[in-house]
Amino acid sequence: MLEVKNFTKKYKNGKLAVDNISFTVKNGEIFGFLGPNGAGKSTTIKAIVGLIKKSSGDITIDNIMIEDNPLLYKSKFSYLADNPLLFEKYNGISYINFVADIYGVSKEDRDRRLNKYLDYFNIRESMVDDISSYSHGMKQRLAIIASLIHNPDLLILDEPMVGLDPKSSFNLKKIMRDRADRGKMVFFSTHMMEVAENICDRIAIISEGKIVAMGSLDDIKENLSEDKSLEEMFLELTDVK
């Protein structure tokens, strides 16, 4: 389980980016993290993966804190950034092998997983080409495969559908659902309300650094006494005009 408890991030300039938020992502669920630009989504994700330090609060994965055991903590998850930076002088297969070596993935396991995901994301023929020659969408697909190659307990995705073609987007959603059904965790941010509405078991909506709604879609509708779409409720809760 991923647990974020009383997390606050305040920058040196005094800006309060995230204000005392708490949530959990349970084994076997897809958890959507929604909010407008500047709401605190990326700040929260960067704190979870260890790219920025917390001002206060606790973040644990399976009761492990990054401060106590950084290697074990980081072995629990994969992180796909909204604009992933890849080693562009590598070709596709060298990059995947590099990532697999870091996580100690056996040749048998990496070959089996890679063979499956290359078909899912239609990138097989480009794996011998330098990454510098890839389109944005191809880089995104390669980064997704890299995030899956060690079969992490927790998959953290920041706007994962951006730049994907319809088939790749469909297959990524299928993978996310399959992982949750097998007891793993998926935590992702998105601006695509339809995607969140269709595949998330629970969601949290963050606005101006605070969580303004959390739970299943039905729970949120009941709490607000509203029978509206997620998009309509999102706009109301975040005061987006």
C-alpha atoms as a PDB file:
ATOM      1  CA  MET A   1       0.000   0.000   0.000  1.00  0.00           C
ATOM      2  CA  LEU A   2       1.104   3.536  -0.784  1.00  0.00           C
ATOM      3  CA  GLU A   3       0.299   5.876   2.074  1.00  0.00           C
ATOM      4  CA  VAL A   4       0.655   9.646   1.940  1.00  0.00           C
ATOM      5  CA  LYS A   5      -0.002  11.122   5.379  1.00  0.00           C
ATOM      6  CA  ASN A   6      -0.193  14.857   6.174  1.00  0.00           C
ATOM      7  CA  PHE A   7       2.117  15.690   3.273  1.00  0.00           C
ATOM      8  CA  THR A   8       3.025  19.363   2.909  1.00  0.00           C
ATOM      9  CA  LYS A   9       5.440  21.001   0.492  1.00  0.00           C
ATOM     10  CA  LYS A  10       6.440  24.619   0.976  1.00  0.00           C
ATOM     11  CA  TYR A  11       9.139  26.125  -1.223  1.00  0.00           C
ATOM     12  CA  LYS A  12      11.850  28.530  -0.103  1.00  0.00           C
ATOM     13  CA  ASN A  13      10.044  31.440  -1.734  1.00  0.00           C
ATOM     14  CA  GLY A  14       7.160  30.814   0.660  1.00  0.00           C
ATOM     15  CA  LYS A  15       4.847  29.234  -1.894  1.00  0.00           C
ATOM     16  CA  LEU A  16       2.702  26.494  -0.368  1.00  0.00           C
ATOM     17  CA  ALA A  17       2.379  23.963  -3.193  1.00  0.00           C
ATOM     18  CA  VAL A  18       0.687  21.146  -1.243  1.00  0.00           C
ATOM     19  CA  ASP A  19      -1.112  21.662   2.054  1.00  0.00           C
ATOM     20  CA  ASN A  20      -1.388  18.752   4.494  1.00  0.00           C
ATOM     21  CA  ILE A  21      -2.916  16.092   2.221  1.00  0.00           C
ATOM     22  CA  SER A  22      -3.470  12.425   3.038  1.00  0.00           C
ATOM     23  CA  PHE A  23      -4.549   9.452   0.915  1.00  0.00           C
ATOM     24  CA  THR A  24      -3.793   5.786   0.359  1.00  0.00           C
ATOM     25  CA  VAL A  25      -3.496   3.646  -2.744  1.00  0.00           C
ATOM     26  CA  LYS A  26      -4.446   0.084  -1.891  1.00  0.00           C
ATOM     27  CA  ASN A  27      -3.237  -3.150  -3.402  1.00  0.00           C
ATOM     28  CA  GLY A  28      -5.470  -4.137  -6.292  1.00  0.00           C
ATOM     29  CA  GLU A  29      -6.742  -0.704  -7.282  1.00  0.00           C
ATOM     30  CA  ILE A  30      -6.322   2.045  -9.849  1.00  0.00           C
ATOM     31  CA  PHE A  31      -6.207   5.419  -8.113  1.00  0.00           C
ATOM     32  CA  GLY A  32      -6.646   8.561 -10.192  1.00  0.00           C
ATOM     33  CA  PHE A  33      -5.147  11.884  -9.104  1.00  0.00           C
ATOM     34  CA  LEU A  34      -6.956  14.785 -10.751  1.00  0.00           C
ATOM     35  CA  GLY A  35      -6.517  18.512 -10.632  1.00  0.00           C
ATOM     36  CA  PRO A  36      -5.980  21.605 -12.776  1.00  0.00           C
ATOM     37  CA  ASN A  37      -2.507  22.848 -13.709  1.00  0.00           C
ATOM     38  CA  GLY A  38      -0.659  24.111 -10.649  1.00  0.00           C
ATOM     39  CA  ALA A  39      -2.909  22.278  -8.202  1.00  0.00           C
ATOM     40  CA  GLY A  40      -0.094  20.201  -6.679  1.00  0.00           C
ATOM     41  CA  LYS A  41      -0.333  16.924  -8.621  1.00  0.00           C
ATOM     42  CA  SER A  42       3.212  16.856  -9.980  1.00  0.00           C
ATOM     43  CA  THR A  43       4.651  18.136  -6.691  1.00  0.00           C
ATOM     44  CA  THR A  44       2.990  15.256  -4.854  1.00  0.00           C
ATOM     45  CA  ILE A  45       4.182  12.702  -7.391  1.00  0.00           C
ATOM     46  CA  LYS A  46       7.750  14.032  -7.289  1.00  0.00           C
ATOM     47  CA  ALA A  47       7.742  13.748  -3.497  1.00  0.00           C
ATOM     48  CA  ILE A  48       6.465  10.160  -3.676  1.00  0.00           C
ATOM     49  CA  VAL A  49       9.241   9.108  -6.073  1.00  0.00           C
ATOM     50  CA  GLY A  50      11.934  11.004  -4.179  1.00  0.00           C
ATOM     51  CA  LEU A  51      12.699  13.814  -6.639  1.00  0.00           C
ATOM     52  CA  ILE A  52      11.877  16.513  -4.097  1.00  0.00           C
ATOM     53  CA  LYS A  53      11.927  16.553  -0.309  1.00  0.00           C
ATOM     54  CA  LYS A  54       8.864  16.882   1.873  1.00  0.00           C
ATOM     55  CA  SER A  55       8.405  19.897   4.098  1.00  0.00           C
ATOM     56  CA  SER A  56       6.437  17.698   6.492  1.00  0.00           C
ATOM     57  CA  GLY A  57       4.432  14.488   6.590  1.00  0.00           C
ATOM     58  CA  ASP A  58       5.150  10.837   5.857  1.00  0.00           C
ATOM     59  CA  ILE A  59       5.133   8.838   2.621  1.00  0.00           C
ATOM     60  CA  THR A  60       5.468   5.051   2.737  1.00  0.00           C
ATOM     61  CA  ILE A  61       5.206   2.134   0.329  1.00  0.00           C
ATOM     62  CA  ASP A  62       4.447  -1.134   2.114  1.00  0.00           C
ATOM     63  CA  ASN A  63       5.394   0.652   5.382  1.00  0.00           C
ATOM     64  CA  ILE A  64       8.848   1.561   4.023  1.00  0.00           C
ATOM     65  CA  MET A  65      10.037   5.174   4.029  1.00  0.00           C
ATOM     66  CA  ILE A  66      12.541   6.405   1.470  1.00  0.00           C
ATOM     67  CA  GLU A  67      14.553   8.002   4.280  1.00  0.00           C
ATOM     68  CA  ASP A  68      14.979   4.621   6.009  1.00  0.00           C
ATOM     69  CA  ASN A  69      15.764   2.364   3.043  1.00  0.00           C
ATOM     70  CA  PRO A  70      15.964   4.249  -0.261  1.00  0.00           C
ATOM     71  CA  LEU A  71      16.961   1.266  -2.421  1.00  0.00           C
ATOM     72  CA  LEU A  72      14.200  -1.006  -1.142  1.00  0.00           C
ATOM     73  CA  TYR A  73      11.667   1.837  -1.345  1.00  0.00           C
ATOM     74  CA  LYS A  74      12.588   2.650  -4.964  1.00  0.00           C
ATOM     75  CA  SER A  75      12.538  -1.015  -5.978  1.00  0.00           C
ATOM     76  CA  LYS A  76       8.810  -1.052  -5.178  1.00  0.00           C
ATOM     77  CA  PHE A  77       7.705   1.311  -7.949  1.00  0.00           C
ATOM     78  CA  SER A  78       8.217   2.535 -11.485  1.00  0.00           C
ATOM     79  CA  TYR A  79       7.692   6.151 -12.434  1.00  0.00           C
ATOM     80  CA  LEU A  80       6.637   7.423 -15.837  1.00  0.00           C
ATOM     81  CA  ALA A  81       7.022  11.206 -16.031  1.00  0.00           C
ATOM     82  CA  ASP A  82       4.762  13.367 -18.172  1.00  0.00           C
ATOM     83  CA  ASN A  83       7.752  14.150 -20.394  1.00  0.00           C
ATOM     84  CA  PRO A  84      10.201  11.275 -19.878  1.00  0.00           C
ATOM     85  CA  LEU A  85      13.888  11.932 -20.487  1.00  0.00           C
ATOM     86  CA  LEU A  86      15.596   9.006 -22.197  1.00  0.00           C
ATOM     87  CA  PHE A  87      19.203   8.281 -23.138  1.00  0.00           C
ATOM     88  CA  GLU A  88      18.883   9.309 -26.760  1.00  0.00           C
ATOM     89  CA  LYS A  89      22.248   7.902 -27.874  1.00  0.00           C
ATOM     90  CA  TYR A  90      21.025   4.413 -26.901  1.00  0.00           C
ATOM     91  CA  ASN A  91      18.873   2.354 -29.178  1.00  0.00           C
ATOM     92  CA  GLY A  92      15.589   1.010 -27.838  1.00  0.00           C
ATOM     93  CA  ILE A  93      16.808  -2.456 -26.874  1.00  0.00           C
ATOM     94  CA  SER A  94      19.942  -1.094 -25.142  1.00  0.00           C
ATOM     95  CA  TYR A  95      17.822   1.267 -23.073  1.00  0.00           C
ATOM     96  CA  ILE A  96      15.434  -1.474 -21.965  1.00  0.00           C
ATOM     97  CA  ASN A  97      18.374  -3.729 -21.057  1.00  0.00           C
ATOM     98  CA  PHE A  98      19.946  -0.868 -19.096  1.00  0.00           C
ATOM     99  CA  VAL A  99      16.782  -0.422 -17.038  1.00  0.00           C
ATOM    100  CA  ALA A 100      16.345  -4.184 -16.587  1.00  0.00           C
ATOM    101  CA  ASP A 101      19.943  -4.511 -15.372  1.00  0.00           C
ATOM    102  CA  ILE A 102      19.409  -1.796 -12.750  1.00  0.00           C
ATOM    103  CA  TYR A 103      16.503  -3.776 -11.289  1.00  0.00           C
ATOM    104  CA  GLY A 104      18.209  -7.154 -11.628  1.00  0.00           C
ATOM    105  CA  VAL A 105      15.631  -8.579 -14.047  1.00  0.00           C
ATOM    106  CA  SER A 106      16.682 -11.959 -15.401  1.00  0.00           C
ATOM    107  CA  LYS A 107      17.200 -12.388 -19.150  1.00  0.00           C
ATOM    108  CA  GLU A 108      14.317 -14.836 -19.273  1.00  0.00           C
ATOM    109  CA  ASP A 109      11.901 -12.447 -17.571  1.00  0.00           C
ATOM    110  CA  ARG A 110      12.956  -9.389 -19.531  1.00  0.00           C
ATOM    111  CA  ASP A 111      12.728 -11.221 -22.863  1.00  0.00           C
ATOM    112  CA  ARG A 112       9.257 -12.539 -22.035  1.00  0.00           C
ATOM    113  CA  ARG A 113       7.936  -9.173 -20.878  1.00  0.00           C
ATOM    114  CA  LEU A 114       9.592  -7.270 -23.706  1.00  0.00           C
ATOM    115  CA  ASN A 115       8.179  -9.622 -26.333  1.00  0.00           C
ATOM    116  CA  LYS A 116       4.685  -9.044 -24.935  1.00  0.00           C
ATOM    117  CA  TYR A 117       4.903  -5.259 -24.654  1.00  0.00           C
ATOM    118  CA  LEU A 118       6.543  -4.687 -28.035  1.00  0.00           C
ATOM    119  CA  ASP A 119       3.392  -6.055 -29.644  1.00  0.00           C
ATOM    120  CA  TYR A 120       1.156  -4.064 -27.281  1.00  0.00           C
ATOM    121  CA  PHE A 121       2.835  -0.806 -28.279  1.00  0.00           C
ATOM    122  CA  ASN A 122       3.822  -1.582 -31.879  1.00  0.00           C
ATOM    123  CA  ILE A 123       7.452  -0.577 -31.537  1.00  0.00           C
ATOM    124  CA  ARG A 124       9.282  -3.835 -32.288  1.00  0.00           C
ATOM    125  CA  GLU A 125      10.820  -2.738 -35.595  1.00  0.00           C
ATOM    126  CA  SER A 126      12.230   0.465 -34.080  1.00  0.00           C
ATOM    127  CA  MET A 127      14.065  -1.112 -31.147  1.00  0.00           C
ATOM    128  CA  VAL A 128      17.387  -1.217 -33.057  1.00  0.00           C
ATOM    129  CA  ASP A 129      17.145   2.492 -33.930  1.00  0.00           C
ATOM    130  CA  ASP A 130      18.648   5.291 -31.844  1.00  0.00           C
ATOM    131  CA  ILE A 131      16.127   6.852 -29.495  1.00  0.00           C
ATOM    132  CA  SER A 132      17.074  10.274 -30.908  1.00  0.00           C
ATOM    133  CA  SER A 133      15.270   9.257 -34.113  1.00  0.00           C
ATOM    134  CA  TYR A 134      12.013   8.436 -32.307  1.00  0.00           C
ATOM    135  CA  SER A 135       8.898  10.579 -32.450  1.00  0.00           C
ATOM    136  CA  HIS A 136       7.431  11.852 -29.171  1.00  0.00           C
ATOM    137  CA  GLY A 137       4.851   9.070 -29.227  1.00  0.00           C
ATOM    138  CA  MET A 138       7.485   6.386 -29.769  1.00  0.00           C
ATOM    139  CA  LYS A 139       9.558   7.727 -26.870  1.00  0.00           C
ATOM    140  CA  GLN A 140       6.450   7.615 -24.697  1.00  0.00           C
ATOM    141  CA  ARG A 141       5.785   3.998 -25.656  1.00  0.00           C
ATOM    142  CA  LEU A 142       9.395   2.995 -24.962  1.00  0.00           C
ATOM    143  CA  ALA A 143       9.258   4.729 -21.578  1.00  0.00           C
ATOM    144  CA  ILE A 144       6.081   2.825 -20.705  1.00  0.00           C
ATOM    145  CA  ILE A 145       7.765  -0.486 -21.546  1.00  0.00           C
ATOM    146  CA  ALA A 146      10.767   0.510 -19.419  1.00  0.00           C
ATOM    147  CA  SER A 147       8.453   1.270 -16.491  1.00  0.00           C
ATOM    148  CA  LEU A 148       6.908  -2.200 -16.761  1.00  0.00           C
ATOM    149  CA  ILE A 149      10.025  -4.291 -17.346  1.00  0.00           C
ATOM    150  CA  HIS A 150      10.692  -5.083 -13.663  1.00  0.00           C
ATOM    151  CA  ASN A 151       7.006  -5.715 -12.857  1.00  0.00           C
ATOM    152  CA  PRO A 152       6.815  -3.239  -9.942  1.00  0.00           C
ATOM    153  CA  ASP A 153       4.319  -3.420  -7.104  1.00  0.00           C
ATOM    154  CA  LEU A 154       3.340   0.210  -7.739  1.00  0.00           C
ATOM    155  CA  LEU A 155       3.097   1.905 -11.123  1.00  0.00           C
ATOM    156  CA  ILE A 156       3.176   5.716 -10.931  1.00  0.00           C
ATOM    157  CA  LEU A 157       2.135   7.496 -14.118  1.00  0.00           C
ATOM    158  CA  ASP A 158       2.012  11.258 -14.697  1.00  0.00           C
ATOM    159  CA  GLU A 159      -0.321  12.039 -17.632  1.00  0.00           C
ATOM    160  CA  PRO A 160       0.501   8.709 -19.335  1.00  0.00           C
ATOM    161  CA  MET A 161      -1.941   9.013 -22.250  1.00  0.00           C
ATOM    162  CA  VAL A 162      -0.464  12.217 -23.668  1.00  0.00           C
ATOM    163  CA  GLY A 163       1.080  11.549 -27.077  1.00  0.00           C
ATOM    164  CA  LEU A 164      -0.185   7.992 -27.379  1.00  0.00           C
ATOM    165  CA  ASP A 165      -2.070   6.744 -30.421  1.00  0.00           C
ATOM    166  CA  PRO A 166      -5.528   5.212 -29.763  1.00  0.00           C
ATOM    167  CA  LYS A 167      -4.295   1.604 -29.851  1.00  0.00           C
ATOM    168  CA  SER A 168      -1.434   2.252 -27.425  1.00  0.00           C
ATOM    169  CA  SER A 169      -3.738   4.215 -25.130  1.00  0.00           C
ATOM    170  CA  PHE A 170      -6.260   1.366 -25.143  1.00  0.00           C
ATOM    171  CA  ASN A 171      -3.568  -1.214 -24.408  1.00  0.00           C
ATOM    172  CA  LEU A 172      -2.077   0.870 -21.589  1.00  0.00           C
ATOM    173  CA  LYS A 173      -5.485   1.080 -19.935  1.00  0.00           C
ATOM    174  CA  LYS A 174      -5.808  -2.681 -20.357  1.00  0.00           C
ATOM    175  CA  ILE A 175      -2.413  -3.210 -18.703  1.00  0.00           C
ATOM    176  CA  MET A 176      -3.349  -0.913 -15.819  1.00  0.00           C
ATOM    177  CA  ARG A 177      -6.555  -2.850 -15.198  1.00  0.00           C
ATOM    178  CA  ASP A 178      -4.803  -6.197 -15.449  1.00  0.00           C
ATOM    179  CA  ARG A 179      -2.148  -5.149 -12.943  1.00  0.00           C
ATOM    180  CA  ALA A 180      -4.764  -3.998 -10.457  1.00  0.00           C
ATOM    181  CA  ASP A 181      -6.705  -7.236 -10.923  1.00  0.00           C
ATOM    182  CA  ARG A 182      -3.514  -9.105  -9.997  1.00  0.00           C
ATOM    183  CA  GLY A 183      -3.207  -7.200  -6.722  1.00  0.00           C
ATOM    184  CA  LYS A 184      -0.775  -4.483  -7.767  1.00  0.00           C
ATOM    185  CA  MET A 185      -1.205  -0.710  -7.422  1.00  0.00           C
ATOM    186  CA  VAL A 186      -1.637   1.918 -10.135  1.00  0.00           C
ATOM    187  CA  PHE A 187      -1.445   5.614  -9.265  1.00  0.00           C
ATOM    188  CA  PHE A 188      -1.812   8.081 -12.105  1.00  0.00           C
ATOM    189  CA  SER A 189      -2.586  11.702 -12.800  1.00  0.00           C
ATOM    190  CA  THR A 190      -4.657  12.739 -15.787  1.00  0.00           C
ATOM    191  CA  HIS A 191      -6.593  15.595 -17.319  1.00  0.00           C
ATOM    192  CA  MET A 192      -8.716  13.100 -19.247  1.00  0.00           C
ATOM    193  CA  MET A 193     -11.916  12.876 -17.242  1.00  0.00           C
ATOM    194  CA  GLU A 194     -13.385  10.120 -19.397  1.00  0.00           C
ATOM    195  CA  VAL A 195     -10.339   7.909 -18.778  1.00  0.00           C
ATOM    196  CA  ALA A 196     -10.524   8.473 -15.022  1.00  0.00           C
ATOM    197  CA  GLU A 197     -14.267   7.883 -14.968  1.00  0.00           C
ATOM    198  CA  ASN A 198     -13.969   4.616 -16.877  1.00  0.00           C
ATOM    199  CA  ILE A 199     -11.011   2.879 -15.230  1.00  0.00           C
ATOM    200  CA  CYS A 200     -10.408   4.290 -11.733  1.00  0.00           C
ATOM    201  CA  ASP A 201     -11.555   2.444  -8.628  1.00  0.00           C
ATOM    202  CA  ARG A 202     -11.059   5.616  -6.588  1.00  0.00           C
ATOM    203  CA  ILE A 203      -9.980   9.152  -7.320  1.00  0.00           C
ATOM    204  CA  ALA A 204      -8.747  12.217  -5.456  1.00  0.00           C
ATOM    205  CA  ILE A 205      -9.297  15.724  -6.770  1.00  0.00           C
ATOM    206  CA  ILE A 206      -6.731  18.305  -5.685  1.00  0.00           C
ATOM    207  CA  SER A 207      -7.163  22.060  -6.023  1.00  0.00           C
ATOM    208  CA  GLU A 208      -4.802  24.778  -4.765  1.00  0.00           C
ATOM    209  CA  GLY A 209      -2.791  22.206  -2.840  1.00  0.00           C
ATOM    210  CA  LYS A 210      -5.713  20.657  -0.981  1.00  0.00           C
ATOM    211  CA  ILE A 211      -7.736  17.513  -1.664  1.00  0.00           C
ATOM    212  CA  VAL A 212     -11.311  18.658  -2.233  1.00  0.00           C
ATOM    213  CA  ALA A 213     -12.893  15.259  -2.955  1.00  0.00           C
ATOM    214  CA  MET A 214     -11.854  11.625  -2.659  1.00  0.00           C
ATOM    215  CA  GLY A 215     -13.417   8.203  -3.064  1.00  0.00           C
ATOM    216  CA  SER A 216     -15.177   6.229  -5.760  1.00  0.00           C
ATOM    217  CA  LEU A 217     -17.167   8.171  -8.318  1.00  0.00           C
ATOM    218  CA  ASP A 218     -20.381   7.045  -6.632  1.00  0.00           C
ATOM    219  CA  ASP A 219     -19.044   8.136  -3.223  1.00  0.00           C
ATOM    220  CA  ILE A 220     -18.216  11.604  -4.516  1.00  0.00           C
ATOM    221  CA  LYS A 221     -21.608  11.967  -6.183  1.00  0.00           C
ATOM    222  CA  GLU A 222     -23.321  10.918  -2.958  1.00  0.00           C
ATOM    223  CA  ASN A 223     -21.259  13.284  -0.802  1.00  0.00           C
ATOM    224  CA  LEU A 224     -22.036  16.183  -3.111  1.00  0.00           C
ATOM    225  CA  SER A 225     -25.662  15.133  -3.594  1.00  0.00           C
ATOM    226  CA  GLU A 226     -25.015  15.434  -7.317  1.00  0.00           C
ATOM    227  CA  ASP A 227     -25.832  13.180 -10.241  1.00  0.00           C
ATOM    228  CA  LYS A 228     -23.350  14.677 -12.687  1.00  0.00           C
ATOM    229  CA  SER A 229     -20.448  13.489 -14.764  1.00  0.00           C
ATOM    230  CA  LEU A 230     -16.948  13.482 -13.287  1.00  0.00           C
ATOM    231  CA  GLU A 231     -16.033  16.332 -15.610  1.00  0.00           C
ATOM    232  CA  GLU A 232     -18.902  18.482 -14.340  1.00  0.00           C
ATOM    233  CA  MET A 233     -18.045  17.778 -10.692  1.00  0.00           C
ATOM    234  CA  PHE A 234     -14.341  18.406 -11.366  1.00  0.00           C
ATOM    235  CA  LEU A 235     -15.083  21.827 -12.856  1.00  0.00           C
ATOM    236  CA  GLU A 236     -17.275  22.775  -9.925  1.00  0.00           C
ATOM    237  CA  LEU A 237     -14.860  21.557  -7.256  1.00  0.00           C
ATOM    238  CA  THR A 238     -11.824  23.240  -8.780  1.00  0.00           C
ATOM    239  CA  ASP A 239     -13.620  26.441  -9.825  1.00  0.00           C
ATOM    240  CA  VAL A 240     -12.338  26.063 -13.378  1.00  0.00           C
ATOM    241  CA  LYS A 241     -14.113  28.527 -15.644  1.00  0.00           C
END
